[in-house]
Amino acid sequence: MVSPNGRLAYVANRAAGVVTVIDTSVNREIATIEVPEGPPQYLAFAPDGRHVYVSVFDEARTIATVAVLDTTTNSVVATVPVQTRPFALAVTPDGSKVYVPNHDSGTVSVIDTATNRVASEIKVAPNPHWVAITPDGTRFWTANHESNLISALDTSDDAVVAEVPVERSPHSVAVNPVRPMVANVNYDSASVSFTDTGSNTVLATVPVRTNPQAIAWSRDGRFAYTANVTDNTVSVISADTFTVTATLPVGNGPTSIAVLPNGKKAYVSNLKDGTLTILDLAAG
């Protein structure tokens, strides 16, 4: 994940049990943060950039927490127990809540950031992998991997307001920053579904390379980028034409992608070779 001001990128290294901090101005590692609670999996920044929330779980299902990092000290300052296998979490625009999808439990834990405690649990379709929140903070979406559904929930009461059928194994979901649209990757269908958030209907489904795992939008909302983990590529999709405009080679096993706030660069984490690929988006 990239910090709100774009100056830092934080990378969860689950096998090493650490979070790496990258200075995006020089693309160098400047800090390594130990996560003693267990393997760090996914990251989410608070809007003010002062905290990073890290989902932590192990394959034995004995650990299920969210670690809270203070970015001024690069240390863990709190640990919040959640349900089994917390995946890709998200913070509301006002910074008051963190939504944590718990894969095995079929729930979303709602963390109150003022107390660093779980305030409630929301039942969703099995098995939620990813949470993305609309820019105005009124709704959030979950990608429910085994249900072939993405769900929309109202943040005022955390009620499910829509369930949209998509293709097989929706792994991640991303809200367009300027258009009424969400996109999700379908891992086992090698495709991306684009959904209209007004009508909650799928506008288009676009084939991409094998096993897309993560998706991110350009800052102007014109393009979506998918990390295709088995194909070692990133697909670039036009939101105007719903077509793939480019396929970019990256490292071995790309699992996530983050775009700088200025839209000029994207960082792709490559699981199998332990590298970051930096894409120059300004160059097209």
Protein backbone atom coordinates (compact mmCIF):
# COMPACT_ATOMS: atom_id res chain seq x y z
CA MET A 1 0.00 0.00 0.00
CA VAL A 2 1.06 3.58 -0.70
CA SER A 3 0.72 6.30 1.94
CA PRO A 4 -1.92 9.01 1.37
CA ASN A 5 0.77 11.59 0.58
CA GLY A 6 2.53 9.19 -1.78
CA ARG A 7 5.89 9.44 -0.06
CA LEU A 8 6.06 5.91 1.31
CA ALA A 9 5.10 2.40 0.23
CA TYR A 10 4.58 -0.29 2.87
CA VAL A 11 5.00 -3.95 1.89
CA ALA A 12 3.79 -6.91 3.96
CA ASN A 13 6.35 -9.74 3.90
CA ARG A 14 4.49 -12.63 5.45
CA ALA A 15 7.27 -15.24 5.32
CA ALA A 16 9.75 -12.87 6.96
CA GLY A 17 7.24 -11.55 9.50
CA VAL A 18 8.04 -7.93 8.73
CA VAL A 19 6.69 -4.86 6.95
CA THR A 20 9.14 -3.09 4.65
CA VAL A 21 8.98 0.68 4.19
CA ILE A 22 10.02 2.13 0.81
CA ASP A 23 10.80 5.80 0.12
CA THR A 24 9.02 6.37 -3.21
CA SER A 25 11.15 9.39 -4.12
CA VAL A 26 14.29 7.23 -4.40
CA ASN A 27 12.70 3.74 -4.44
CA ARG A 28 14.81 2.49 -1.58
CA GLU A 29 14.06 0.57 1.60
CA ILE A 30 14.31 2.88 4.61
CA ALA A 31 12.86 0.77 7.43
CA THR A 32 11.86 -2.74 8.43
CA ILE A 33 9.12 -3.20 11.01
CA GLU A 34 8.87 -6.43 12.99
CA VAL A 35 5.34 -7.79 13.39
CA PRO A 36 5.67 -10.15 16.40
CA GLU A 37 1.99 -11.12 16.33
CA GLY A 38 2.49 -13.32 13.25
CA PRO A 39 2.71 -13.23 9.44
CA PRO A 40 1.58 -9.83 8.08
CA GLN A 41 -0.79 -10.29 5.15
CA TYR A 42 -2.57 -7.10 4.00
CA LEU A 43 -2.24 -3.39 4.77
CA ALA A 44 -4.49 -0.33 4.95
CA PHE A 45 -3.51 3.27 5.69
CA ALA A 46 -5.48 5.64 7.86
CA PRO A 47 -6.45 8.72 5.79
CA ASP A 48 -4.08 10.95 7.78
CA GLY A 49 -1.22 8.51 7.22
CA ARG A 50 -0.42 8.21 10.92
CA HIS A 51 -1.39 4.55 11.25
CA VAL A 52 -1.27 1.42 9.13
CA TYR A 53 -3.60 -1.48 9.90
CA VAL A 54 -2.12 -4.91 9.16
CA SER A 55 -4.12 -8.12 8.95
CA VAL A 56 -2.23 -11.03 10.52
CA PHE A 57 -2.95 -14.73 10.22
CA ASP A 58 -1.09 -18.01 9.84
CA GLU A 59 -1.90 -21.04 7.73
CA ALA A 60 -2.63 -23.12 10.85
CA ARG A 61 -5.53 -20.75 11.66
CA THR A 62 -4.20 -20.17 15.18
CA ILE A 63 -3.61 -16.41 14.71
CA ALA A 64 -6.23 -13.85 13.66
CA THR A 65 -5.49 -10.24 14.54
CA VAL A 66 -5.06 -6.76 13.16
CA ALA A 67 -1.82 -5.06 14.16
CA VAL A 68 -1.83 -1.25 14.36
CA LEU A 69 1.40 0.42 13.23
CA ASP A 70 2.38 3.95 14.21
CA THR A 71 4.08 5.43 11.13
CA THR A 72 5.96 8.03 13.16
CA THR A 73 7.78 5.36 15.17
CA ASN A 74 7.37 2.40 12.78
CA SER A 75 6.25 0.19 15.62
CA VAL A 76 3.20 -1.88 16.58
CA VAL A 77 1.15 0.10 19.10
CA ALA A 78 -1.97 -2.10 19.38
CA THR A 79 -3.30 -5.52 18.44
CA VAL A 80 -6.99 -6.21 17.77
CA PRO A 81 -8.28 -9.83 17.78
CA VAL A 82 -10.65 -10.59 14.89
CA GLN A 83 -12.19 -13.67 13.28
CA THR A 84 -10.40 -16.39 11.30
CA ARG A 85 -8.12 -15.39 8.42
CA PRO A 86 -8.49 -11.61 8.10
CA PHE A 87 -7.81 -10.57 4.51
CA ALA A 88 -7.58 -7.17 2.73
CA LEU A 89 -9.00 -4.53 5.06
CA ALA A 90 -9.95 -0.88 4.49
CA VAL A 91 -10.31 2.32 6.55
CA THR A 92 -13.24 4.72 6.19
CA PRO A 93 -12.45 8.18 4.72
CA ASP A 94 -13.04 9.81 8.11
CA GLY A 95 -10.66 7.33 9.77
CA SER A 96 -13.20 6.22 12.37
CA LYS A 97 -13.60 2.58 11.36
CA VAL A 98 -11.66 -0.28 9.83
CA TYR A 99 -13.56 -2.98 7.95
CA VAL A 100 -11.82 -6.37 8.10
CA PRO A 101 -13.04 -9.26 5.90
CA ASN A 102 -12.59 -12.60 7.67
CA HIS A 103 -12.30 -15.28 5.02
CA ASP A 104 -13.10 -18.44 7.00
CA SER A 105 -15.75 -16.84 9.21
CA GLY A 106 -17.79 -15.26 6.43
CA THR A 107 -17.89 -12.02 8.39
CA VAL A 108 -16.54 -8.48 8.37
CA SER A 109 -15.18 -7.18 11.68
CA VAL A 110 -15.72 -3.46 12.31
CA ILE A 111 -12.90 -1.92 14.36
CA ASP A 112 -13.45 1.36 16.19
CA THR A 113 -10.15 3.20 15.68
CA ALA A 114 -10.68 5.37 18.77
CA THR A 115 -10.53 2.31 21.02
CA ASN A 116 -8.86 -0.27 18.76
CA ARG A 117 -11.61 -2.73 19.57
CA VAL A 118 -14.10 -4.64 17.46
CA ALA A 119 -17.42 -2.80 17.65
CA SER A 120 -19.48 -5.26 15.60
CA GLU A 121 -19.44 -8.23 13.23
CA ILE A 122 -21.28 -8.26 9.89
CA LYS A 123 -22.38 -11.46 8.19
CA VAL A 124 -21.67 -11.54 4.44
CA ALA A 125 -21.57 -14.20 1.74
CA PRO A 126 -18.71 -16.73 1.97
CA ASN A 127 -15.79 -16.06 1.84
CA PRO A 128 -14.90 -12.36 1.92
CA HIS A 129 -11.41 -11.58 0.62
CA TRP A 130 -11.36 -7.83 0.11
CA VAL A 131 -13.00 -4.58 1.20
CA ALA A 132 -13.13 -1.33 -0.77
CA ILE A 133 -14.89 1.84 0.42
CA THR A 134 -16.47 4.53 -1.76
CA PRO A 135 -14.75 7.95 -1.70
CA ASP A 136 -17.71 9.51 0.13
CA GLY A 137 -17.63 6.75 2.75
CA THR A 138 -21.32 5.84 2.40
CA ARG A 139 -20.83 2.29 1.12
CA PHE A 140 -18.30 -0.46 1.07
CA TRP A 141 -17.93 -3.48 -1.16
CA THR A 142 -16.68 -6.99 -0.43
CA ALA A 143 -15.37 -9.59 -2.86
CA ASN A 144 -16.77 -12.95 -1.70
CA HIS A 145 -14.43 -15.50 -3.19
CA GLU A 146 -16.31 -18.79 -2.89
CA SER A 147 -19.77 -17.28 -3.50
CA ASN A 148 -19.06 -15.69 -6.90
CA LEU A 149 -20.64 -12.50 -5.55
CA ILE A 150 -19.59 -8.99 -4.67
CA SER A 151 -21.65 -7.32 -1.95
CA ALA A 152 -22.49 -3.67 -1.29
CA LEU A 153 -23.08 -2.53 2.29
CA ASP A 154 -24.31 0.74 3.75
CA THR A 155 -21.80 2.15 6.24
CA SER A 156 -24.53 3.94 8.23
CA ASP A 157 -25.96 0.66 9.50
CA ASP A 158 -23.62 -1.95 7.95
CA ALA A 159 -26.57 -3.59 6.18
CA VAL A 160 -26.14 -5.51 2.92
CA VAL A 161 -27.95 -3.51 0.22
CA ALA A 162 -26.96 -5.50 -2.87
CA GLU A 163 -25.32 -8.73 -3.98
CA VAL A 164 -24.05 -8.78 -7.54
CA PRO A 165 -23.26 -12.10 -9.31
CA VAL A 166 -19.88 -12.06 -11.06
CA GLU A 167 -17.63 -14.75 -12.52
CA ARG A 168 -15.71 -17.41 -10.59
CA SER A 169 -13.71 -16.56 -7.49
CA PRO A 170 -13.83 -12.77 -7.09
CA HIS A 171 -10.61 -12.09 -5.22
CA SER A 172 -10.33 -8.32 -4.92
CA VAL A 173 -12.48 -5.27 -5.55
CA ALA A 174 -11.66 -1.60 -6.19
CA VAL A 175 -13.94 1.45 -6.28
CA ASN A 176 -13.42 3.87 -9.16
CA PRO A 177 -12.31 7.22 -7.67
CA VAL A 178 -14.50 9.40 -9.94
CA ARG A 179 -17.06 7.20 -11.71
CA PRO A 180 -20.02 5.27 -10.23
CA MET A 181 -18.29 1.96 -10.81
CA VAL A 182 -16.51 -0.85 -9.02
CA ALA A 183 -14.24 -3.44 -10.59
CA ASN A 184 -13.35 -6.87 -9.30
CA VAL A 185 -10.97 -9.54 -10.51
CA ASN A 186 -12.29 -13.09 -10.96
CA TYR A 187 -9.34 -15.30 -10.07
CA ASP A 188 -10.46 -18.60 -11.59
CA SER A 189 -12.20 -17.04 -14.61
CA ALA A 190 -9.24 -14.87 -15.63
CA SER A 191 -11.50 -11.86 -15.99
CA VAL A 192 -12.51 -8.50 -14.54
CA SER A 193 -16.13 -7.51 -13.86
CA PHE A 194 -17.15 -3.84 -13.98
CA THR A 195 -20.29 -3.01 -11.99
CA ASP A 196 -22.45 0.13 -12.08
CA THR A 197 -22.90 1.23 -8.47
CA GLY A 198 -26.20 2.98 -9.23
CA SER A 199 -28.01 -0.01 -10.67
CA ASN A 200 -25.78 -2.69 -9.09
CA THR A 201 -25.52 -4.48 -12.43
CA VAL A 202 -22.47 -5.72 -14.31
CA LEU A 203 -21.61 -3.42 -17.20
CA ALA A 204 -18.92 -5.59 -18.76
CA THR A 205 -16.66 -8.56 -18.12
CA VAL A 206 -13.18 -8.33 -19.63
CA PRO A 207 -10.81 -11.31 -20.12
CA VAL A 208 -7.29 -10.85 -18.73
CA ARG A 209 -4.30 -13.12 -18.17
CA THR A 210 -4.24 -16.12 -15.79
CA ASN A 211 -5.28 -15.74 -12.15
CA PRO A 212 -5.77 -12.02 -11.61
CA GLN A 213 -5.41 -11.50 -7.87
CA ALA A 214 -5.47 -7.74 -7.26
CA ILE A 215 -6.79 -4.62 -8.96
CA ALA A 216 -6.21 -0.88 -8.66
CA TRP A 217 -7.50 2.20 -10.48
CA SER A 218 -5.62 5.08 -12.04
CA ARG A 219 -6.25 8.30 -10.12
CA ASP A 220 -8.36 9.74 -12.94
CA GLY A 221 -10.48 6.56 -13.09
CA ARG A 222 -9.73 5.93 -16.77
CA PHE A 223 -7.76 2.72 -16.36
CA ALA A 224 -7.77 -0.36 -14.14
CA TYR A 225 -4.64 -2.41 -13.49
CA THR A 226 -4.69 -6.10 -12.55
CA ALA A 227 -1.88 -8.18 -11.04
CA ASN A 228 -2.02 -11.58 -12.75
CA VAL A 229 -0.21 -13.84 -10.32
CA THR A 230 0.33 -16.95 -12.46
CA ASP A 231 1.04 -15.08 -15.70
CA ASN A 232 3.59 -12.65 -14.19
CA THR A 233 1.92 -9.69 -15.87
CA VAL A 234 -0.18 -6.60 -15.23
CA SER A 235 -3.18 -5.99 -17.49
CA VAL A 236 -4.21 -2.40 -18.28
CA ILE A 237 -7.95 -2.00 -18.97
CA SER A 238 -9.71 1.06 -20.34
CA ALA A 239 -12.84 2.03 -18.40
CA ASP A 240 -14.09 3.83 -21.51
CA THR A 241 -14.01 0.85 -23.88
CA PHE A 242 -13.73 -2.11 -21.47
CA THR A 243 -10.79 -3.49 -23.41
CA VAL A 244 -7.25 -4.46 -22.47
CA THR A 245 -4.97 -1.76 -23.85
CA ALA A 246 -1.65 -3.23 -22.66
CA THR A 247 -0.14 -6.26 -20.92
CA LEU A 248 3.03 -5.48 -18.96
CA PRO A 249 5.62 -8.05 -17.80
CA VAL A 250 6.51 -7.85 -14.09
CA GLY A 251 8.27 -10.09 -11.56
CA ASN A 252 7.49 -13.65 -10.53
CA GLY A 253 4.09 -14.04 -8.85
CA PRO A 254 2.58 -10.52 -8.70
CA THR A 255 0.02 -10.47 -5.89
CA SER A 256 -0.80 -6.80 -5.33
CA ILE A 257 -0.59 -3.40 -6.97
CA ALA A 258 -0.73 0.15 -5.59
CA VAL A 259 -0.83 3.44 -7.51
CA LEU A 260 0.74 6.67 -6.26
CA PRO A 261 -1.71 9.50 -5.49
CA ASN A 262 -0.27 11.55 -8.36
CA GLY A 263 -0.94 8.63 -10.71
CA LYS A 264 2.59 8.59 -12.11
CA LYS A 265 3.83 5.25 -10.79
CA ALA A 266 2.51 1.90 -9.62
CA TYR A 267 4.19 -0.59 -7.30
CA VAL A 268 3.66 -4.31 -7.89
CA SER A 269 4.72 -6.82 -5.24
CA ASN A 270 6.03 -10.12 -6.60
CA LEU A 271 5.60 -12.93 -4.09
CA LYS A 272 7.83 -15.62 -5.57
CA ASP A 273 10.98 -13.59 -6.16
CA GLY A 274 10.58 -11.11 -3.30
CA THR A 275 10.75 -7.99 -5.45
CA LEU A 276 8.80 -4.88 -6.32
CA THR A 277 8.21 -3.92 -9.93
CA ILE A 278 7.79 -0.17 -10.45
CA LEU A 279 5.64 0.82 -13.42
CA ASP A 280 5.97 4.26 -15.03
CA LEU A 281 2.33 5.12 -15.71
CA ALA A 282 3.11 8.64 -16.86
CA ALA A 283 4.96 7.18 -19.83
CA GLY A 284 1.83 5.28 -20.87
